[in-house]
Amino acid sequence: MNATSMTLVIAVLVLGAGTFAFRLAGPLLRARIELSPRVERLMGMSAIVLLAALVATAALLEGHTFAGWARPAGVAVGGVLAWRRAPFLVVVVAAAATAAGLRLLGVP
């Protein structure tokens, strides 16, 4: 093994150990640390905001450029159906069909 691959292996092991430590710290420290109701509410909302940002980025961008209108339209259809509590299969198929149909019509 050369120095570069050894450095990579060490980096992966350190990051893996850090990830494990963070995941283990939550259950271990939960009983010791008391959070205010406001902080608890903000942490719950931050998870929603993070998920929304991830969905927006994936729906709107392809690399560093705009993905076109078909993909965001498909995501919007899927989001509305999920919000209306449609079955998961219906959500996925409708979102894909919307994007595919728009692309078939020439919408980028």
PDB file of N, CA and C in Angstrom:
ATOM      1  N   MET A   1       0.845  -1.178   0.000  1.00  0.00           N
ATOM      2  CA  MET A   1       0.000   0.000   0.000  1.00  0.00           C
ATOM      3  C   MET A   1       0.889   1.240   0.000  1.00  0.00           C
ATOM      4  N   ASN A   2       0.571   2.195  -0.887  1.00  0.00           N
ATOM      5  CA  ASN A   2       1.370   3.417  -0.907  1.00  0.00           C
ATOM      6  C   ASN A   2       0.813   4.419   0.110  1.00  0.00           C
ATOM      7  N   ALA A   3       1.484   5.554   0.243  1.00  0.00           N
ATOM      8  CA  ALA A   3       1.127   6.542   1.262  1.00  0.00           C
ATOM      9  C   ALA A   3      -0.251   7.152   1.008  1.00  0.00           C
ATOM     10  N   THR A   4      -0.600   7.355  -0.247  1.00  0.00           N
ATOM     11  CA  THR A   4      -1.891   7.962  -0.562  1.00  0.00           C
ATOM     12  C   THR A   4      -3.045   7.059  -0.167  1.00  0.00           C
ATOM     13  N   SER A   5      -2.943   5.778  -0.502  1.00  0.00           N
ATOM     14  CA  SER A   5      -4.027   4.865  -0.158  1.00  0.00           C
ATOM     15  C   SER A   5      -4.088   4.635   1.351  1.00  0.00           C
ATOM     16  N   MET A   6      -2.925   4.663   2.022  1.00  0.00           N
ATOM     17  CA  MET A   6      -2.913   4.512   3.478  1.00  0.00           C
ATOM     18  C   MET A   6      -3.585   5.716   4.134  1.00  0.00           C
ATOM     19  N   THR A   7      -3.328   6.910   3.610  1.00  0.00           N
ATOM     20  CA  THR A   7      -3.969   8.113   4.135  1.00  0.00           C
ATOM     21  C   THR A   7      -5.479   8.036   3.933  1.00  0.00           C
ATOM     22  N   LEU A   8      -5.906   7.541   2.792  1.00  0.00           N
ATOM     23  CA  LEU A   8      -7.322   7.399   2.505  1.00  0.00           C
ATOM     24  C   LEU A   8      -7.978   6.411   3.476  1.00  0.00           C
ATOM     25  N   VAL A   9      -7.311   5.304   3.735  1.00  0.00           N
ATOM     26  CA  VAL A   9      -7.853   4.306   4.658  1.00  0.00           C
ATOM     27  C   VAL A   9      -7.974   4.896   6.059  1.00  0.00           C
ATOM     28  N   ILE A  10      -6.970   5.634   6.492  1.00  0.00           N
ATOM     29  CA  ILE A  10      -7.010   6.264   7.818  1.00  0.00           C
ATOM     30  C   ILE A  10      -8.133   7.287   7.889  1.00  0.00           C
ATOM     31  N   ALA A  11      -8.289   8.083   6.828  1.00  0.00           N
ATOM     32  CA  ALA A  11      -9.357   9.083   6.806  1.00  0.00           C
ATOM     33  C   ALA A  11     -10.728   8.419   6.898  1.00  0.00           C
ATOM     34  N   VAL A  12     -10.929   7.335   6.164  1.00  0.00           N
ATOM     35  CA  VAL A  12     -12.214   6.629   6.199  1.00  0.00           C
ATOM     36  C   VAL A  12     -12.464   6.056   7.589  1.00  0.00           C
ATOM     37  N   LEU A  13     -11.452   5.490   8.202  1.00  0.00           N
ATOM     38  CA  LEU A  13     -11.612   4.927   9.547  1.00  0.00           C
ATOM     39  C   LEU A  13     -11.926   6.017  10.578  1.00  0.00           C
ATOM     40  N   VAL A  14     -11.239   7.150  10.499  1.00  0.00           N
ATOM     41  CA  VAL A  14     -11.481   8.246  11.437  1.00  0.00           C
ATOM     42  C   VAL A  14     -12.894   8.803  11.249  1.00  0.00           C
ATOM     43  N   LEU A  15     -13.306   9.004   9.996  1.00  0.00           N
ATOM     44  CA  LEU A  15     -14.663   9.505   9.749  1.00  0.00           C
ATOM     45  C   LEU A  15     -15.719   8.496  10.196  1.00  0.00           C
ATOM     46  N   GLY A  16     -15.466   7.218   9.978  1.00  0.00           N
ATOM     47  CA  GLY A  16     -16.390   6.189  10.435  1.00  0.00           C
ATOM     48  C   GLY A  16     -16.510   6.171  11.947  1.00  0.00           C
ATOM     49  N   ALA A  17     -15.369   6.277  12.644  1.00  0.00           N
ATOM     50  CA  ALA A  17     -15.389   6.306  14.111  1.00  0.00           C
ATOM     51  C   ALA A  17     -16.104   7.557  14.615  1.00  0.00           C
ATOM     52  N   GLY A  18     -15.884   8.689  13.960  1.00  0.00           N
ATOM     53  CA  GLY A  18     -16.565   9.922  14.358  1.00  0.00           C
ATOM     54  C   GLY A  18     -18.065   9.832  14.163  1.00  0.00           C
ATOM     55  N   THR A  19     -18.484   9.259  13.047  1.00  0.00           N
ATOM     56  CA  THR A  19     -19.911   9.083  12.784  1.00  0.00           C
ATOM     57  C   THR A  19     -20.538   8.163  13.827  1.00  0.00           C
ATOM     58  N   PHE A  20     -19.845   7.073  14.136  1.00  0.00           N
ATOM     59  CA  PHE A  20     -20.350   6.150  15.154  1.00  0.00           C
ATOM     60  C   PHE A  20     -20.452   6.850  16.501  1.00  0.00           C
ATOM     61  N   ALA A  21     -19.438   7.651  16.860  1.00  0.00           N
ATOM     62  CA  ALA A  21     -19.453   8.358  18.143  1.00  0.00           C
ATOM     63  C   ALA A  21     -20.611   9.349  18.221  1.00  0.00           C
ATOM     64  N   PHE A  22     -20.862  10.079  17.137  1.00  0.00           N
ATOM     65  CA  PHE A  22     -21.985  11.018  17.135  1.00  0.00           C
ATOM     66  C   PHE A  22     -23.315  10.279  17.285  1.00  0.00           C
ATOM     67  N   ARG A  23     -23.456   9.169  16.597  1.00  0.00           N
ATOM     68  CA  ARG A  23     -24.713   8.418  16.691  1.00  0.00           C
ATOM     69  C   ARG A  23     -24.888   7.788  18.064  1.00  0.00           C
ATOM     70  N   LEU A  24     -23.821   7.386  18.677  1.00  0.00           N
ATOM     71  CA  LEU A  24     -23.886   6.793  20.004  1.00  0.00           C
ATOM     72  C   LEU A  24     -24.120   7.851  21.079  1.00  0.00           C
ATOM     73  N   ALA A  25     -23.608   9.062  20.856  1.00  0.00           N
ATOM     74  CA  ALA A  25     -23.735  10.131  21.850  1.00  0.00           C
ATOM     75  C   ALA A  25     -25.192  10.512  22.082  1.00  0.00           C
ATOM     76  N   GLY A  26     -26.017  10.475  21.036  1.00  0.00           N
ATOM     77  CA  GLY A  26     -27.418  10.853  21.201  1.00  0.00           C
ATOM     78  C   GLY A  26     -28.136  10.037  22.260  1.00  0.00           C
ATOM     79  N   PRO A  27     -28.204   8.731  22.107  1.00  0.00           N
ATOM     80  CA  PRO A  27     -28.899   7.931  23.131  1.00  0.00           C
ATOM     81  C   PRO A  27     -28.219   7.974  24.501  1.00  0.00           C
ATOM     82  N   LEU A  28     -26.882   8.051  24.522  1.00  0.00           N
ATOM     83  CA  LEU A  28     -26.186   8.058  25.811  1.00  0.00           C
ATOM     84  C   LEU A  28     -26.378   9.366  26.575  1.00  0.00           C
ATOM     85  N   LEU A  29     -26.423  10.482  25.875  1.00  0.00           N
ATOM     86  CA  LEU A  29     -26.516  11.780  26.531  1.00  0.00           C
ATOM     87  C   LEU A  29     -27.955  12.266  26.680  1.00  0.00           C
ATOM     88  N   ARG A  30     -28.905  11.582  26.081  1.00  0.00           N
ATOM     89  CA  ARG A  30     -30.298  12.030  26.110  1.00  0.00           C
ATOM     90  C   ARG A  30     -30.824  12.174  27.530  1.00  0.00           C
ATOM     91  N   ALA A  31     -30.489  11.247  28.394  1.00  0.00           N
ATOM     92  CA  ALA A  31     -30.981  11.293  29.771  1.00  0.00           C
ATOM     93  C   ALA A  31     -30.226  12.325  30.611  1.00  0.00           C
ATOM     94  N   ARG A  32     -29.037  12.711  30.204  1.00  0.00           N
ATOM     95  CA  ARG A  32     -28.219  13.639  30.999  1.00  0.00           C
ATOM     96  C   ARG A  32     -28.431  15.107  30.644  1.00  0.00           C
ATOM     97  N   ILE A  33     -28.847  15.362  29.430  1.00  0.00           N
ATOM     98  CA  ILE A  33     -28.995  16.742  28.973  1.00  0.00           C
ATOM     99  C   ILE A  33     -30.470  17.071  28.847  1.00  0.00           C
ATOM    100  N   GLU A  34     -30.875  18.161  29.479  1.00  0.00           N
ATOM    101  CA  GLU A  34     -32.260  18.604  29.423  1.00  0.00           C
ATOM    102  C   GLU A  34     -32.371  19.774  28.454  1.00  0.00           C
ATOM    103  N   LEU A  35     -33.154  19.599  27.415  1.00  0.00           N
ATOM    104  CA  LEU A  35     -33.359  20.655  26.431  1.00  0.00           C
ATOM    105  C   LEU A  35     -34.691  21.341  26.691  1.00  0.00           C
ATOM    106  N   SER A  36     -34.715  22.635  26.449  1.00  0.00           N
ATOM    107  CA  SER A  36     -35.968  23.367  26.635  1.00  0.00           C
ATOM    108  C   SER A  36     -36.950  22.971  25.542  1.00  0.00           C
ATOM    109  N   PRO A  37     -38.228  23.151  25.792  1.00  0.00           N
ATOM    110  CA  PRO A  37     -39.217  22.821  24.759  1.00  0.00           C
ATOM    111  C   PRO A  37     -38.989  23.610  23.465  1.00  0.00           C
ATOM    112  N   ARG A  38     -38.516  24.834  23.575  1.00  0.00           N
ATOM    113  CA  ARG A  38     -38.252  25.642  22.381  1.00  0.00           C
ATOM    114  C   ARG A  38     -37.135  25.015  21.539  1.00  0.00           C
ATOM    115  N   VAL A  39     -36.063  24.567  22.195  1.00  0.00           N
ATOM    116  CA  VAL A  39     -34.956  23.942  21.475  1.00  0.00           C
ATOM    117  C   VAL A  39     -35.415  22.628  20.851  1.00  0.00           C
ATOM    118  N   GLU A  40     -36.217  21.863  21.570  1.00  0.00           N
ATOM    119  CA  GLU A  40     -36.753  20.609  21.020  1.00  0.00           C
ATOM    120  C   GLU A  40     -37.566  20.888  19.751  1.00  0.00           C
ATOM    121  N   ARG A  41     -38.417  21.924  19.803  1.00  0.00           N
ATOM    122  CA  ARG A  41     -39.242  22.286  18.653  1.00  0.00           C
ATOM    123  C   ARG A  41     -38.371  22.749  17.484  1.00  0.00           C
ATOM    124  N   LEU A  42     -37.342  23.553  17.787  1.00  0.00           N
ATOM    125  CA  LEU A  42     -36.445  24.031  16.732  1.00  0.00           C
ATOM    126  C   LEU A  42     -35.666  22.883  16.090  1.00  0.00           C
ATOM    127  N   MET A  43     -35.272  21.901  16.881  1.00  0.00           N
ATOM    128  CA  MET A  43     -34.554  20.761  16.318  1.00  0.00           C
ATOM    129  C   MET A  43     -35.462  19.946  15.398  1.00  0.00           C
ATOM    130  N   GLY A  44     -36.720  19.789  15.766  1.00  0.00           N
ATOM    131  CA  GLY A  44     -37.667  19.091  14.909  1.00  0.00           C
ATOM    132  C   GLY A  44     -37.898  19.847  13.608  1.00  0.00           C
ATOM    133  N   MET A  45     -38.001  21.168  13.699  1.00  0.00           N
ATOM    134  CA  MET A  45     -38.197  21.977  12.497  1.00  0.00           C
ATOM    135  C   MET A  45     -36.949  21.995  11.627  1.00  0.00           C
ATOM    136  N   SER A  46     -35.776  21.928  12.241  1.00  0.00           N
ATOM    137  CA  SER A  46     -34.546  21.950  11.451  1.00  0.00           C
ATOM    138  C   SER A  46     -34.426  20.698  10.589  1.00  0.00           C
ATOM    139  N   ALA A  47     -34.926  19.583  11.072  1.00  0.00           N
ATOM    140  CA  ALA A  47     -34.908  18.363  10.262  1.00  0.00           C
ATOM    141  C   ALA A  47     -35.809  18.526   9.039  1.00  0.00           C
ATOM    142  N   ILE A  48     -36.945  19.174   9.214  1.00  0.00           N
ATOM    143  CA  ILE A  48     -37.859  19.409   8.089  1.00  0.00           C
ATOM    144  C   ILE A  48     -37.229  20.364   7.088  1.00  0.00           C
ATOM    145  N   VAL A  49     -36.590  21.414   7.578  1.00  0.00           N
ATOM    146  CA  VAL A  49     -35.947  22.388   6.690  1.00  0.00           C
ATOM    147  C   VAL A  49     -34.805  21.740   5.916  1.00  0.00           C
ATOM    148  N   LEU A  50     -34.017  20.906   6.583  1.00  0.00           N
ATOM    149  CA  LEU A  50     -32.919  20.212   5.915  1.00  0.00           C
ATOM    150  C   LEU A  50     -33.437  19.286   4.824  1.00  0.00           C
ATOM    151  N   LEU A  51     -34.508  18.559   5.099  1.00  0.00           N
ATOM    152  CA  LEU A  51     -35.097  17.675   4.097  1.00  0.00           C
ATOM    153  C   LEU A  51     -35.656  18.479   2.923  1.00  0.00           C
ATOM    154  N   ALA A  52     -36.309  19.597   3.214  1.00  0.00           N
ATOM    155  CA  ALA A  52     -36.851  20.445   2.144  1.00  0.00           C
ATOM    156  C   ALA A  52     -35.732  21.006   1.272  1.00  0.00           C
ATOM    157  N   ALA A  53     -34.627  21.405   1.874  1.00  0.00           N
ATOM    158  CA  ALA A  53     -33.491  21.915   1.099  1.00  0.00           C
ATOM    159  C   ALA A  53     -32.897  20.826   0.221  1.00  0.00           C
ATOM    160  N   LEU A  54     -32.820  19.621   0.734  1.00  0.00           N
ATOM    161  CA  LEU A  54     -32.308  18.499  -0.051  1.00  0.00           C
ATOM    162  C   LEU A  54     -33.217  18.203  -1.235  1.00  0.00           C
ATOM    163  N   VAL A  55     -34.523  18.191  -1.003  1.00  0.00           N
ATOM    164  CA  VAL A  55     -35.476  17.939  -2.085  1.00  0.00           C
ATOM    165  C   VAL A  55     -35.407  19.054  -3.125  1.00  0.00           C
ATOM    166  N   ALA A  56     -35.346  20.310  -2.679  1.00  0.00           N
ATOM    167  CA  ALA A  56     -35.289  21.439  -3.612  1.00  0.00           C
ATOM    168  C   ALA A  56     -34.027  21.387  -4.464  1.00  0.00           C
ATOM    169  N   THR A  57     -32.909  21.090  -3.842  1.00  0.00           N
ATOM    170  CA  THR A  57     -31.658  21.008  -4.590  1.00  0.00           C
ATOM    171  C   THR A  57     -31.702  19.876  -5.611  1.00  0.00           C
ATOM    172  N   ALA A  58     -32.188  18.720  -5.200  1.00  0.00           N
ATOM    173  CA  ALA A  58     -32.252  17.577  -6.118  1.00  0.00           C
ATOM    174  C   ALA A  58     -33.272  17.808  -7.229  1.00  0.00           C
ATOM    175  N   ALA A  59     -34.353  18.524  -6.914  1.00  0.00           N
ATOM    176  CA  ALA A  59     -35.404  18.729  -7.910  1.00  0.00           C
ATOM    177  C   ALA A  59     -35.041  19.810  -8.914  1.00  0.00           C
ATOM    178  N   LEU A  60     -34.323  20.819  -8.491  1.00  0.00           N
ATOM    179  CA  LEU A  60     -34.091  21.977  -9.353  1.00  0.00           C
ATOM    180  C   LEU A  60     -32.759  21.976 -10.078  1.00  0.00           C
ATOM    181  N   LEU A  61     -31.780  21.261  -9.570  1.00  0.00           N
ATOM    182  CA  LEU A  61     -30.440  21.347 -10.142  1.00  0.00           C
ATOM    183  C   LEU A  61     -29.963  20.010 -10.688  1.00  0.00           C
ATOM    184  N   GLU A  62     -29.228  20.092 -11.771  1.00  0.00           N
ATOM    185  CA  GLU A  62     -28.508  18.946 -12.321  1.00  0.00           C
ATOM    186  C   GLU A  62     -27.064  19.402 -12.452  1.00  0.00           C
ATOM    187  N   GLY A  63     -26.230  18.961 -11.535  1.00  0.00           N
ATOM    188  CA  GLY A  63     -24.875  19.514 -11.452  1.00  0.00           C
ATOM    189  C   GLY A  63     -24.975  20.912 -10.864  1.00  0.00           C
ATOM    190  N   HIS A  64     -24.518  21.903 -11.629  1.00  0.00           N
ATOM    191  CA  HIS A  64     -24.595  23.290 -11.175  1.00  0.00           C
ATOM    192  C   HIS A  64     -25.558  24.112 -12.017  1.00  0.00           C
ATOM    193  N   THR A  65     -26.354  23.467 -12.834  1.00  0.00           N
ATOM    194  CA  THR A  65     -27.268  24.178 -13.717  1.00  0.00           C
ATOM    195  C   THR A  65     -28.713  23.764 -13.438  1.00  0.00           C
ATOM    196  N   PHE A  66     -29.632  24.581 -13.915  1.00  0.00           N
ATOM    197  CA  PHE A  66     -31.059  24.314 -13.756  1.00  0.00           C
ATOM    198  C   PHE A  66     -31.423  23.034 -14.504  1.00  0.00           C
ATOM    199  N   ALA A  67     -32.194  22.178 -13.873  1.00  0.00           N
ATOM    200  CA  ALA A  67     -32.522  20.869 -14.439  1.00  0.00           C
ATOM    201  C   ALA A  67     -33.630  20.919 -15.479  1.00  0.00           C
ATOM    202  N   GLY A  68     -34.267  22.040 -15.654  1.00  0.00           N
ATOM    203  CA  GLY A  68     -35.398  22.130 -16.573  1.00  0.00           C
ATOM    204  C   GLY A  68     -36.697  22.096 -15.791  1.00  0.00           C
ATOM    205  N   TRP A  69     -37.816  22.190 -16.496  1.00  0.00           N
ATOM    206  CA  TRP A  69     -39.113  22.286 -15.826  1.00  0.00           C
ATOM    207  C   TRP A  69     -39.772  20.941 -15.569  1.00  0.00           C
ATOM    208  N   ALA A  70     -39.393  19.909 -16.276  1.00  0.00           N
ATOM    209  CA  ALA A  70     -40.065  18.611 -16.139  1.00  0.00           C
ATOM    210  C   ALA A  70     -39.807  17.993 -14.761  1.00  0.00           C
ATOM    211  N   ARG A  71     -38.572  18.025 -14.317  1.00  0.00           N
ATOM    212  CA  ARG A  71     -38.257  17.405 -13.025  1.00  0.00           C
ATOM    213  C   ARG A  71     -38.944  18.115 -11.859  1.00  0.00           C
ATOM    214  N   PRO A  72     -38.860  19.461 -11.752  1.00  0.00           N
ATOM    215  CA  PRO A  72     -39.583  20.113 -10.650  1.00  0.00           C
ATOM    216  C   PRO A  72     -41.095  19.885 -10.707  1.00  0.00           C
ATOM    217  N   ALA A  73     -41.653  19.802 -11.927  1.00  0.00           N
ATOM    218  CA  ALA A  73     -43.090  19.528 -12.043  1.00  0.00           C
ATOM    219  C   ALA A  73     -43.415  18.138 -11.512  1.00  0.00           C
ATOM    220  N   GLY A  74     -42.584  17.157 -11.820  1.00  0.00           N
ATOM    221  CA  GLY A  74     -42.791  15.805 -11.302  1.00  0.00           C
ATOM    222  C   GLY A  74     -42.672  15.758  -9.790  1.00  0.00           C
ATOM    223  N   VAL A  75     -41.699  16.470  -9.250  1.00  0.00           N
ATOM    224  CA  VAL A  75     -41.536  16.517  -7.791  1.00  0.00           C
ATOM    225  C   VAL A  75     -42.734  17.202  -7.151  1.00  0.00           C
ATOM    226  N   ALA A  76     -43.229  18.261  -7.782  1.00  0.00           N
ATOM    227  CA  ALA A  76     -44.398  18.958  -7.244  1.00  0.00           C
ATOM    228  C   ALA A  76     -45.629  18.044  -7.234  1.00  0.00           C
ATOM    229  N   VAL A  77     -45.841  17.312  -8.316  1.00  0.00           N
ATOM    230  CA  VAL A  77     -46.974  16.368  -8.360  1.00  0.00           C
ATOM    231  C   VAL A  77     -46.818  15.313  -7.272  1.00  0.00           C
ATOM    232  N   GLY A  78     -45.609  14.772  -7.135  1.00  0.00           N
ATOM    233  CA  GLY A  78     -45.369  13.785  -6.077  1.00  0.00           C
ATOM    234  C   GLY A  78     -45.570  14.366  -4.692  1.00  0.00           C
ATOM    235  N   GLY A  79     -45.132  15.608  -4.493  1.00  0.00           N
ATOM    236  CA  GLY A  79     -45.302  16.257  -3.193  1.00  0.00           C
ATOM    237  C   GLY A  79     -46.755  16.478  -2.840  1.00  0.00           C
ATOM    238  N   VAL A  80     -47.540  16.917  -3.811  1.00  0.00           N
ATOM    239  CA  VAL A  80     -48.973  17.131  -3.560  1.00  0.00           C
ATOM    240  C   VAL A  80     -49.660  15.807  -3.247  1.00  0.00           C
ATOM    241  N   LEU A  81     -49.339  14.779  -4.017  1.00  0.00           N
ATOM    242  CA  LEU A  81     -49.955  13.473  -3.748  1.00  0.00           C
ATOM    243  C   LEU A  81     -49.535  12.908  -2.395  1.00  0.00           C
ATOM    244  N   ALA A  82     -48.271  13.099  -2.031  1.00  0.00           N
ATOM    245  CA  ALA A  82     -47.820  12.631  -0.712  1.00  0.00           C
ATOM    246  C   ALA A  82     -48.516  13.416   0.395  1.00  0.00           C
ATOM    247  N   TRP A  83     -48.683  14.716   0.182  1.00  0.00           N
ATOM    248  CA  TRP A  83     -49.370  15.557   1.155  1.00  0.00           C
ATOM    249  C   TRP A  83     -50.826  15.113   1.318  1.00  0.00           C
ATOM    250  N   ARG A  84     -51.424  14.684   0.213  1.00  0.00           N
ATOM    251  CA  ARG A  84     -52.808  14.204   0.244  1.00  0.00           C
ATOM    252  C   ARG A  84     -52.896  12.744   0.694  1.00  0.00           C
ATOM    253  N   ARG A  85     -51.766  12.190   1.087  1.00  0.00           N
ATOM    254  CA  ARG A  85     -51.654  10.830   1.623  1.00  0.00           C
ATOM    255  C   ARG A  85     -52.030   9.740   0.617  1.00  0.00           C
ATOM    256  N   ALA A  86     -51.604   9.940  -0.615  1.00  0.00           N
ATOM    257  CA  ALA A  86     -51.796   8.901  -1.630  1.00  0.00           C
ATOM    258  C   ALA A  86     -50.821   7.752  -1.346  1.00  0.00           C
ATOM    259  N   PRO A  87     -51.119   6.557  -1.791  1.00  0.00           N
ATOM    260  CA  PRO A  87     -50.181   5.440  -1.606  1.00  0.00           C
ATOM    261  C   PRO A  87     -48.825   5.744  -2.266  1.00  0.00           C
ATOM    262  N   PHE A  88     -47.774   5.232  -1.671  1.00  0.00           N
ATOM    263  CA  PHE A  88     -46.416   5.534  -2.125  1.00  0.00           C
ATOM    264  C   PHE A  88     -46.225   5.196  -3.595  1.00  0.00           C
ATOM    265  N   LEU A  89     -46.725   4.063  -4.019  1.00  0.00           N
ATOM    266  CA  LEU A  89     -46.575   3.655  -5.413  1.00  0.00           C
ATOM    267  C   LEU A  89     -47.253   4.656  -6.350  1.00  0.00           C
ATOM    268  N   VAL A  90     -48.402   5.155  -5.966  1.00  0.00           N
ATOM    269  CA  VAL A  90     -49.107   6.152  -6.770  1.00  0.00           C
ATOM    270  C   VAL A  90     -48.285   7.441  -6.847  1.00  0.00           C
ATOM    271  N   VAL A  91     -47.702   7.843  -5.735  1.00  0.00           N
ATOM    272  CA  VAL A  91     -46.877   9.058  -5.702  1.00  0.00           C
ATOM    273  C   VAL A  91     -45.703   8.924  -6.666  1.00  0.00           C
ATOM    274  N   VAL A  92     -44.990   7.816  -6.586  1.00  0.00           N
ATOM    275  CA  VAL A  92     -43.801   7.617  -7.420  1.00  0.00           C
ATOM    276  C   VAL A  92     -44.170   7.535  -8.892  1.00  0.00           C
ATOM    277  N   VAL A  93     -45.183   6.762  -9.213  1.00  0.00           N
ATOM    278  CA  VAL A  93     -45.581   6.592 -10.612  1.00  0.00           C
ATOM    279  C   VAL A  93     -46.109   7.908 -11.189  1.00  0.00           C
ATOM    280  N   ALA A  94     -46.901   8.640 -10.435  1.00  0.00           N
ATOM    281  CA  ALA A  94     -47.440   9.908 -10.935  1.00  0.00           C
ATOM    282  C   ALA A  94     -46.330  10.937 -11.144  1.00  0.00           C
ATOM    283  N   ALA A  95     -45.381  10.995 -10.227  1.00  0.00           N
ATOM    284  CA  ALA A  95     -44.271  11.939 -10.373  1.00  0.00           C
ATOM    285  C   ALA A  95     -43.430  11.585 -11.602  1.00  0.00           C
ATOM    286  N   ALA A  96     -43.115  10.313 -11.755  1.00  0.00           N
ATOM    287  CA  ALA A  96     -42.323   9.883 -12.913  1.00  0.00           C
ATOM    288  C   ALA A  96     -43.083  10.092 -14.211  1.00  0.00           C
ATOM    289  N   ALA A  97     -44.372   9.796 -14.210  1.00  0.00           N
ATOM    290  CA  ALA A  97     -45.177   9.971 -15.422  1.00  0.00           C
ATOM    291  C   ALA A  97     -45.293  11.444 -15.802  1.00  0.00           C
ATOM    292  N   THR A  98     -45.403  12.310 -14.808  1.00  0.00           N
ATOM    293  CA  THR A  98     -45.465  13.746 -15.086  1.00  0.00           C
ATOM    294  C   THR A  98     -44.179  14.220 -15.740  1.00  0.00           C
ATOM    295  N   ALA A  99     -43.049  13.871 -15.146  1.00  0.00           N
ATOM    296  CA  ALA A  99     -41.756  14.294 -15.715  1.00  0.00           C
ATOM    297  C   ALA A  99     -41.554  13.684 -17.099  1.00  0.00           C
ATOM    298  N   ALA A 100     -41.869  12.410 -17.237  1.00  0.00           N
ATOM    299  CA  ALA A 100     -41.677  11.751 -18.536  1.00  0.00           C
ATOM    300  C   ALA A 100     -42.617  12.330 -19.588  1.00  0.00           C
ATOM    301  N   GLY A 101     -43.859  12.596 -19.214  1.00  0.00           N
ATOM    302  CA  GLY A 101     -44.809  13.169 -20.160  1.00  0.00           C
ATOM    303  C   GLY A 101     -44.396  14.554 -20.637  1.00  0.00           C
ATOM    304  N   LEU A 102     -43.926  15.373 -19.701  1.00  0.00           N
ATOM    305  CA  LEU A 102     -43.471  16.702 -20.081  1.00  0.00           C
ATOM    306  C   LEU A 102     -42.240  16.627 -20.988  1.00  0.00           C
ATOM    307  N   ARG A 103     -41.344  15.715 -20.695  1.00  0.00           N
ATOM    308  CA  ARG A 103     -40.168  15.572 -21.554  1.00  0.00           C
ATOM    309  C   ARG A 103     -40.558  15.049 -22.926  1.00  0.00           C
ATOM    310  N   LEU A 104     -41.538  14.180 -22.981  1.00  0.00           N
ATOM    311  CA  LEU A 104     -42.035  13.678 -24.250  1.00  0.00           C
ATOM    312  C   LEU A 104     -42.633  14.809 -25.104  1.00  0.00           C
ATOM    313  N   LEU A 105     -43.238  15.783 -24.419  1.00  0.00           N
ATOM    314  CA  LEU A 105     -43.804  16.939 -25.101  1.00  0.00           C
ATOM    315  C   LEU A 105     -42.756  17.995 -25.469  1.00  0.00           C
ATOM    316  N   GLY A 106     -41.519  17.761 -25.071  1.00  0.00           N
ATOM    317  CA  GLY A 106     -40.435  18.678 -25.421  1.00  0.00           C
ATOM    318  C   GLY A 106     -40.077  19.672 -24.335  1.00  0.00           C
ATOM    319  N   VAL A 107     -40.682  19.562 -23.179  1.00  0.00           N
ATOM    320  CA  VAL A 107     -40.341  20.454 -22.055  1.00  0.00           C
ATOM    321  C   VAL A 107     -39.043  19.938 -21.450  1.00  0.00           C
ATOM    322  N   PRO A 108     -38.039  20.795 -21.325  1.00  0.00           N
ATOM    323  CA  PRO A 108     -36.751  20.296 -20.769  1.00  0.00           C
ATOM    324  C   PRO A 108     -36.837  19.939 -19.304  1.00  0.00           C
TER     325      PRO A 108
END
